[in-house]
Amino acid sequence: MIYKFKVWVWLPMTTEVYLHADKDEEAVSIFNKIDLKKGFNWTDDGIRNSRATYEVVETQDDNQSSRDNLPSKQIT
């Protein structure tokens, strides 16, 4: 049997953003345009644990018929 493992990981991280705006709406507009994936120093928040979710899927190999396959199972 061949097994496919899918892994989703959630790592609680924090960063701080300082920006200047005259009104709340302007601040929100500026913040929404920021690409948070670039140029920020992310650190572990130290409060929440990281979380991983796994899905194991049995896949059909050449020696079994399709009726032998089981549905995927999620393990959290």
PDB file of N, CA and C in Angstrom:
ATOM      1  N   MET A   1       0.850  -1.174   0.000  1.00  0.00           N
ATOM      2  CA  MET A   1       0.000   0.000   0.000  1.00  0.00           C
ATOM      3  C   MET A   1       0.891   1.230   0.000  1.00  0.00           C
ATOM      4  N   ILE A   2       0.494   2.211  -0.734  1.00  0.00           N
ATOM      5  CA  ILE A   2       1.200   3.488  -0.764  1.00  0.00           C
ATOM      6  C   ILE A   2       0.389   4.485   0.041  1.00  0.00           C
ATOM      7  N   TYR A   3       1.055   5.238   0.911  1.00  0.00           N
ATOM      8  CA  TYR A   3       0.383   6.225   1.747  1.00  0.00           C
ATOM      9  C   TYR A   3       0.890   7.616   1.398  1.00  0.00           C
ATOM     10  N   LYS A   4      -0.040   8.533   1.269  1.00  0.00           N
ATOM     11  CA  LYS A   4       0.326   9.929   1.039  1.00  0.00           C
ATOM     12  C   LYS A   4       0.028  10.689   2.329  1.00  0.00           C
ATOM     13  N   PHE A   5       0.992  11.437   2.815  1.00  0.00           N
ATOM     14  CA  PHE A   5       0.820  12.235   4.016  1.00  0.00           C
ATOM     15  C   PHE A   5       0.749  13.709   3.632  1.00  0.00           C
ATOM     16  N   LYS A   6      -0.297  14.402   4.075  1.00  0.00           N
ATOM     17  CA  LYS A   6      -0.392  15.845   3.915  1.00  0.00           C
ATOM     18  C   LYS A   6      -0.227  16.450   5.305  1.00  0.00           C
ATOM     19  N   VAL A   7       0.542  17.516   5.396  1.00  0.00           N
ATOM     20  CA  VAL A   7       0.799  18.149   6.690  1.00  0.00           C
ATOM     21  C   VAL A   7       0.515  19.638   6.580  1.00  0.00           C
ATOM     22  N   TRP A   8      -0.316  20.148   7.487  1.00  0.00           N
ATOM     23  CA  TRP A   8      -0.571  21.578   7.598  1.00  0.00           C
ATOM     24  C   TRP A   8      -0.006  22.020   8.935  1.00  0.00           C
ATOM     25  N   VAL A   9       0.782  23.074   8.936  1.00  0.00           N
ATOM     26  CA  VAL A   9       1.411  23.548  10.167  1.00  0.00           C
ATOM     27  C   VAL A   9       1.011  24.996  10.407  1.00  0.00           C
ATOM     28  N   TRP A  10       0.626  25.276  11.628  1.00  0.00           N
ATOM     29  CA  TRP A  10       0.306  26.631  12.054  1.00  0.00           C
ATOM     30  C   TRP A  10       1.321  27.022  13.111  1.00  0.00           C
ATOM     31  N   LEU A  11       2.126  28.037  12.816  1.00  0.00           N
ATOM     32  CA  LEU A  11       3.136  28.516  13.746  1.00  0.00           C
ATOM     33  C   LEU A  11       2.738  29.908  14.211  1.00  0.00           C
ATOM     34  N   PRO A  12       2.346  30.060  15.469  1.00  0.00           N
ATOM     35  CA  PRO A  12       1.947  31.380  15.958  1.00  0.00           C
ATOM     36  C   PRO A  12       3.151  32.320  16.031  1.00  0.00           C
ATOM     37  N   MET A  13       3.146  33.317  15.166  1.00  0.00           N
ATOM     38  CA  MET A  13       4.244  34.264  15.085  1.00  0.00           C
ATOM     39  C   MET A  13       3.696  35.685  15.212  1.00  0.00           C
ATOM     40  N   THR A  14       4.547  36.610  15.644  1.00  0.00           N
ATOM     41  CA  THR A  14       4.137  38.007  15.744  1.00  0.00           C
ATOM     42  C   THR A  14       5.181  38.907  15.105  1.00  0.00           C
ATOM     43  N   THR A  15       4.729  40.067  14.698  1.00  0.00           N
ATOM     44  CA  THR A  15       5.601  41.145  14.241  1.00  0.00           C
ATOM     45  C   THR A  15       4.887  42.443  14.561  1.00  0.00           C
ATOM     46  N   GLU A  16       5.601  43.548  14.528  1.00  0.00           N
ATOM     47  CA  GLU A  16       4.989  44.843  14.802  1.00  0.00           C
ATOM     48  C   GLU A  16       5.140  45.732  13.586  1.00  0.00           C
ATOM     49  N   VAL A  17       4.090  46.496  13.321  1.00  0.00           N
ATOM     50  CA  VAL A  17       4.079  47.416  12.192  1.00  0.00           C
ATOM     51  C   VAL A  17       3.716  48.795  12.728  1.00  0.00           C
ATOM     52  N   TYR A  18       4.564  49.772  12.467  1.00  0.00           N
ATOM     53  CA  TYR A  18       4.275  51.160  12.819  1.00  0.00           C
ATOM     54  C   TYR A  18       4.056  51.930  11.530  1.00  0.00           C
ATOM     55  N   LEU A  19       2.956  52.679  11.449  1.00  0.00           N
ATOM     56  CA  LEU A  19       2.709  53.497  10.274  1.00  0.00           C
ATOM     57  C   LEU A  19       2.040  54.786  10.703  1.00  0.00           C
ATOM     58  N   HIS A  20       2.159  55.817   9.864  1.00  0.00           N
ATOM     59  CA  HIS A  20       1.573  57.121  10.159  1.00  0.00           C
ATOM     60  C   HIS A  20       0.361  57.327   9.268  1.00  0.00           C
ATOM     61  N   ALA A  21      -0.748  57.729   9.878  1.00  0.00           N
ATOM     62  CA  ALA A  21      -1.965  58.040   9.128  1.00  0.00           C
ATOM     63  C   ALA A  21      -2.762  59.071   9.923  1.00  0.00           C
ATOM     64  N   ASP A  22      -3.537  59.878   9.226  1.00  0.00           N
ATOM     65  CA  ASP A  22      -4.355  60.905   9.876  1.00  0.00           C
ATOM     66  C   ASP A  22      -5.679  60.353  10.394  1.00  0.00           C
ATOM     67  N   LYS A  23      -6.189  59.290   9.771  1.00  0.00           N
ATOM     68  CA  LYS A  23      -7.482  58.720  10.169  1.00  0.00           C
ATOM     69  C   LYS A  23      -7.389  57.199  10.208  1.00  0.00           C
ATOM     70  N   ASP A  24      -8.312  56.577  10.927  1.00  0.00           N
ATOM     71  CA  ASP A  24      -8.357  55.122  11.038  1.00  0.00           C
ATOM     72  C   ASP A  24      -8.475  54.456   9.666  1.00  0.00           C
ATOM     73  N   GLU A  25      -9.341  54.985   8.819  1.00  0.00           N
ATOM     74  CA  GLU A  25      -9.563  54.401   7.500  1.00  0.00           C
ATOM     75  C   GLU A  25      -8.285  54.427   6.667  1.00  0.00           C
ATOM     76  N   GLU A  26      -7.529  55.529   6.787  1.00  0.00           N
ATOM     77  CA  GLU A  26      -6.267  55.632   6.060  1.00  0.00           C
ATOM     78  C   GLU A  26      -5.260  54.604   6.578  1.00  0.00           C
ATOM     79  N   ALA A  27      -5.214  54.411   7.894  1.00  0.00           N
ATOM     80  CA  ALA A  27      -4.308  53.424   8.486  1.00  0.00           C
ATOM     81  C   ALA A  27      -4.641  52.024   8.001  1.00  0.00           C
ATOM     82  N   VAL A  28      -5.926  51.688   7.963  1.00  0.00           N
ATOM     83  CA  VAL A  28      -6.348  50.371   7.489  1.00  0.00           C
ATOM     84  C   VAL A  28      -5.989  50.202   6.019  1.00  0.00           C
ATOM     85  N   SER A  29      -6.200  51.223   5.219  1.00  0.00           N
ATOM     86  CA  SER A  29      -5.874  51.164   3.795  1.00  0.00           C
ATOM     87  C   SER A  29      -4.374  50.942   3.581  1.00  0.00           C
ATOM     88  N   ILE A  30      -3.553  51.667   4.315  1.00  0.00           N
ATOM     89  CA  ILE A  30      -2.103  51.501   4.203  1.00  0.00           C
ATOM     90  C   ILE A  30      -1.694  50.106   4.648  1.00  0.00           C
ATOM     91  N   PHE A  31      -2.231  49.653   5.771  1.00  0.00           N
ATOM     92  CA  PHE A  31      -1.879  48.325   6.295  1.00  0.00           C
ATOM     93  C   PHE A  31      -2.246  47.219   5.312  1.00  0.00           C
ATOM     94  N   ASN A  32      -3.411  47.330   4.685  1.00  0.00           N
ATOM     95  CA  ASN A  32      -3.861  46.294   3.746  1.00  0.00           C
ATOM     96  C   ASN A  32      -2.975  46.201   2.509  1.00  0.00           C
ATOM     97  N   LYS A  33      -2.220  47.252   2.196  1.00  0.00           N
ATOM     98  CA  LYS A  33      -1.325  47.242   1.035  1.00  0.00           C
ATOM     99  C   LYS A  33       0.048  46.660   1.358  1.00  0.00           C
ATOM    100  N   ILE A  34       0.332  46.436   2.636  1.00  0.00           N
ATOM    101  CA  ILE A  34       1.645  45.927   3.047  1.00  0.00           C
ATOM    102  C   ILE A  34       1.741  44.437   2.755  1.00  0.00           C
ATOM    103  N   ASP A  35       2.875  44.009   2.195  1.00  0.00           N
ATOM    104  CA  ASP A  35       3.147  42.588   1.976  1.00  0.00           C
ATOM    105  C   ASP A  35       3.869  42.069   3.220  1.00  0.00           C
ATOM    106  N   LEU A  36       3.145  41.397   4.099  1.00  0.00           N
ATOM    107  CA  LEU A  36       3.699  40.945   5.376  1.00  0.00           C
ATOM    108  C   LEU A  36       4.697  39.804   5.224  1.00  0.00           C
ATOM    109  N   LYS A  37       4.825  39.255   4.023  1.00  0.00           N
ATOM    110  CA  LYS A  37       5.773  38.160   3.802  1.00  0.00           C
ATOM    111  C   LYS A  37       7.188  38.678   3.546  1.00  0.00           C
ATOM    112  N   LYS A  38       7.315  39.981   3.266  1.00  0.00           N
ATOM    113  CA  LYS A  38       8.623  40.542   2.916  1.00  0.00           C
ATOM    114  C   LYS A  38       9.009  41.652   3.889  1.00  0.00           C
ATOM    115  N   GLY A  39      10.246  41.611   4.359  1.00  0.00           N
ATOM    116  CA  GLY A  39      10.801  42.724   5.105  1.00  0.00           C
ATOM    117  C   GLY A  39      10.406  42.837   6.562  1.00  0.00           C
ATOM    118  N   PHE A  40       9.822  41.810   7.142  1.00  0.00           N
ATOM    119  CA  PHE A  40       9.430  41.865   8.547  1.00  0.00           C
ATOM    120  C   PHE A  40      10.175  40.803   9.345  1.00  0.00           C
ATOM    121  N   ASN A  41      10.457  41.106  10.585  1.00  0.00           N
ATOM    122  CA  ASN A  41      11.100  40.155  11.491  1.00  0.00           C
ATOM    123  C   ASN A  41      10.013  39.476  12.318  1.00  0.00           C
ATOM    124  N   TRP A  42       9.746  38.234  11.991  1.00  0.00           N
ATOM    125  CA  TRP A  42       8.725  37.466  12.688  1.00  0.00           C
ATOM    126  C   TRP A  42       9.366  36.697  13.834  1.00  0.00           C
ATOM    127  N   THR A  43       8.707  36.691  15.000  1.00  0.00           N
ATOM    128  CA  THR A  43       9.191  35.942  16.159  1.00  0.00           C
ATOM    129  C   THR A  43       8.071  35.082  16.726  1.00  0.00           C
ATOM    130  N   ASP A  44       8.452  34.004  17.380  1.00  0.00           N
ATOM    131  CA  ASP A  44       7.497  33.123  18.052  1.00  0.00           C
ATOM    132  C   ASP A  44       6.782  33.928  19.124  1.00  0.00           C
ATOM    133  N   ASP A  45       5.463  33.825  19.195  1.00  0.00           N
ATOM    134  CA  ASP A  45       4.739  34.650  20.169  1.00  0.00           C
ATOM    135  C   ASP A  45       4.882  34.159  21.606  1.00  0.00           C
ATOM    136  N   GLY A  46       5.349  32.935  21.829  1.00  0.00           N
ATOM    137  CA  GLY A  46       5.627  32.447  23.168  1.00  0.00           C
ATOM    138  C   GLY A  46       4.405  32.136  24.015  1.00  0.00           C
ATOM    139  N   ILE A  47       3.220  32.355  23.505  1.00  0.00           N
ATOM    140  CA  ILE A  47       2.001  32.129  24.292  1.00  0.00           C
ATOM    141  C   ILE A  47       1.301  30.846  23.842  1.00  0.00           C
ATOM    142  N   ARG A  48       1.119  30.705  22.556  1.00  0.00           N
ATOM    143  CA  ARG A  48       0.398  29.546  22.011  1.00  0.00           C
ATOM    144  C   ARG A  48       1.379  28.531  21.459  1.00  0.00           C
ATOM    145  N   ASN A  49       0.993  27.287  21.525  1.00  0.00           N
ATOM    146  CA  ASN A  49       1.798  26.213  20.931  1.00  0.00           C
ATOM    147  C   ASN A  49       1.541  26.150  19.438  1.00  0.00           C
ATOM    148  N   SER A  50       2.543  25.700  18.701  1.00  0.00           N
ATOM    149  CA  SER A  50       2.327  25.472  17.279  1.00  0.00           C
ATOM    150  C   SER A  50       1.416  24.264  17.119  1.00  0.00           C
ATOM    151  N   ARG A  51       0.794  24.185  15.970  1.00  0.00           N
ATOM    152  CA  ARG A  51      -0.165  23.106  15.736  1.00  0.00           C
ATOM    153  C   ARG A  51       0.092  22.501  14.367  1.00  0.00           C
ATOM    154  N   ALA A  52      -0.012  21.204  14.294  1.00  0.00           N
ATOM    155  CA  ALA A  52       0.124  20.507  13.015  1.00  0.00           C
ATOM    156  C   ALA A  52      -1.079  19.599  12.830  1.00  0.00           C
ATOM    157  N   THR A  53      -1.608  19.580  11.625  1.00  0.00           N
ATOM    158  CA  THR A  53      -2.709  18.696  11.266  1.00  0.00           C
ATOM    159  C   THR A  53      -2.207  17.776  10.161  1.00  0.00           C
ATOM    160  N   TYR A  54      -2.492  16.497  10.299  1.00  0.00           N
ATOM    161  CA  TYR A  54      -2.026  15.505   9.331  1.00  0.00           C
ATOM    162  C   TYR A  54      -3.217  14.829   8.686  1.00  0.00           C
ATOM    163  N   GLU A  55      -3.084  14.531   7.416  1.00  0.00           N
ATOM    164  CA  GLU A  55      -4.068  13.719   6.710  1.00  0.00           C
ATOM    165  C   GLU A  55      -3.316  12.579   6.054  1.00  0.00           C
ATOM    166  N   VAL A  56      -3.770  11.357   6.324  1.00  0.00           N
ATOM    167  CA  VAL A  56      -3.155  10.173   5.732  1.00  0.00           C
ATOM    168  C   VAL A  56      -4.147   9.600   4.730  1.00  0.00           C
ATOM    169  N   VAL A  57      -3.675   9.426   3.509  1.00  0.00           N
ATOM    170  CA  VAL A  57      -4.543   8.911   2.449  1.00  0.00           C
ATOM    171  C   VAL A  57      -3.930   7.630   1.920  1.00  0.00           C
ATOM    172  N   GLU A  58      -4.697   6.562   1.973  1.00  0.00           N
ATOM    173  CA  GLU A  58      -4.244   5.313   1.370  1.00  0.00           C
ATOM    174  C   GLU A  58      -4.508   5.419  -0.118  1.00  0.00           C
ATOM    175  N   THR A  59      -3.514   5.135  -0.905  1.00  0.00           N
ATOM    176  CA  THR A  59      -3.676   5.195  -2.353  1.00  0.00           C
ATOM    177  C   THR A  59      -3.527   3.805  -2.936  1.00  0.00           C
ATOM    178  N   GLN A  60      -4.085   3.634  -4.092  1.00  0.00           N
ATOM    179  CA  GLN A  60      -4.071   2.320  -4.731  1.00  0.00           C
ATOM    180  C   GLN A  60      -2.693   2.065  -5.339  1.00  0.00           C
ATOM    181  N   ASP A  61      -2.152   0.891  -5.071  1.00  0.00           N
ATOM    182  CA  ASP A  61      -0.939   0.494  -5.784  1.00  0.00           C
ATOM    183  C   ASP A  61      -1.345  -0.488  -6.882  1.00  0.00           C
ATOM    184  N   ASP A  62      -0.407  -0.945  -7.634  1.00  0.00           N
ATOM    185  CA  ASP A  62      -0.708  -1.779  -8.809  1.00  0.00           C
ATOM    186  C   ASP A  62      -1.287  -3.142  -8.458  1.00  0.00           C
ATOM    187  N   ASN A  63      -1.164  -3.601  -7.212  1.00  0.00           N
ATOM    188  CA  ASN A  63      -1.582  -4.951  -6.843  1.00  0.00           C
ATOM    189  C   ASN A  63      -2.975  -5.019  -6.232  1.00  0.00           C
ATOM    190  N   GLN A  64      -3.678  -3.879  -6.142  1.00  0.00           N
ATOM    191  CA  GLN A  64      -4.994  -3.909  -5.502  1.00  0.00           C
ATOM    192  C   GLN A  64      -6.029  -3.255  -6.399  1.00  0.00           C
ATOM    193  N   SER A  65      -7.261  -3.665  -6.233  1.00  0.00           N
ATOM    194  CA  SER A  65      -8.343  -3.055  -6.990  1.00  0.00           C
ATOM    195  C   SER A  65      -8.797  -1.773  -6.302  1.00  0.00           C
ATOM    196  N   SER A  66      -9.518  -0.948  -7.006  1.00  0.00           N
ATOM    197  CA  SER A  66      -9.947   0.338  -6.463  1.00  0.00           C
ATOM    198  C   SER A  66     -10.931   0.183  -5.304  1.00  0.00           C
ATOM    199  N   ARG A  67     -11.649  -0.927  -5.233  1.00  0.00           N
ATOM    200  CA  ARG A  67     -12.603  -1.104  -4.130  1.00  0.00           C
ATOM    201  C   ARG A  67     -11.903  -1.327  -2.789  1.00  0.00           C
ATOM    202  N   ASP A  68     -10.601  -1.634  -2.801  1.00  0.00           N
ATOM    203  CA  ASP A  68      -9.859  -1.838  -1.561  1.00  0.00           C
ATOM    204  C   ASP A  68      -9.391  -0.529  -0.933  1.00  0.00           C
ATOM    205  N   ASN A  69      -9.496   0.561  -1.660  1.00  0.00           N
ATOM    206  CA  ASN A  69      -9.033   1.844  -1.123  1.00  0.00           C
ATOM    207  C   ASN A  69      -9.970   2.352  -0.035  1.00  0.00           C
ATOM    208  N   LEU A  70      -9.398   2.887   0.995  1.00  0.00           N
ATOM    209  CA  LEU A  70     -10.178   3.464   2.081  1.00  0.00           C
ATOM    210  C   LEU A  70     -10.179   4.978   1.923  1.00  0.00           C
ATOM    211  N   PRO A  71     -11.203   5.663   2.452  1.00  0.00           N
ATOM    212  CA  PRO A  71     -11.211   7.118   2.383  1.00  0.00           C
ATOM    213  C   PRO A  71     -10.093   7.697   3.258  1.00  0.00           C
ATOM    214  N   SER A  72      -9.755   8.956   3.009  1.00  0.00           N
ATOM    215  CA  SER A  72      -8.698   9.602   3.794  1.00  0.00           C
ATOM    216  C   SER A  72      -9.148   9.789   5.234  1.00  0.00           C
ATOM    217  N   LYS A  73      -8.173   9.825   6.123  1.00  0.00           N
ATOM    218  CA  LYS A  73      -8.442  10.003   7.553  1.00  0.00           C
ATOM    219  C   LYS A  73      -7.672  11.220   8.024  1.00  0.00           C
ATOM    220  N   GLN A  74      -8.313  12.087   8.802  1.00  0.00           N
ATOM    221  CA  GLN A  74      -7.618  13.250   9.355  1.00  0.00           C
ATOM    222  C   GLN A  74      -7.249  12.971  10.793  1.00  0.00           C
ATOM    223  N   ILE A  75      -6.020  13.304  11.145  1.00  0.00           N
ATOM    224  CA  ILE A  75      -5.500  13.117  12.493  1.00  0.00           C
ATOM    225  C   ILE A  75      -5.057  14.485  12.978  1.00  0.00           C
ATOM    226  N   THR A  76      -5.593  14.942  14.086  1.00  0.00           N
ATOM    227  CA  THR A  76      -5.160  16.252  14.620  1.00  0.00           C
ATOM    228  C   THR A  76      -4.656  16.099  16.022  1.00  0.00           C
TER     229      THR A  76
END
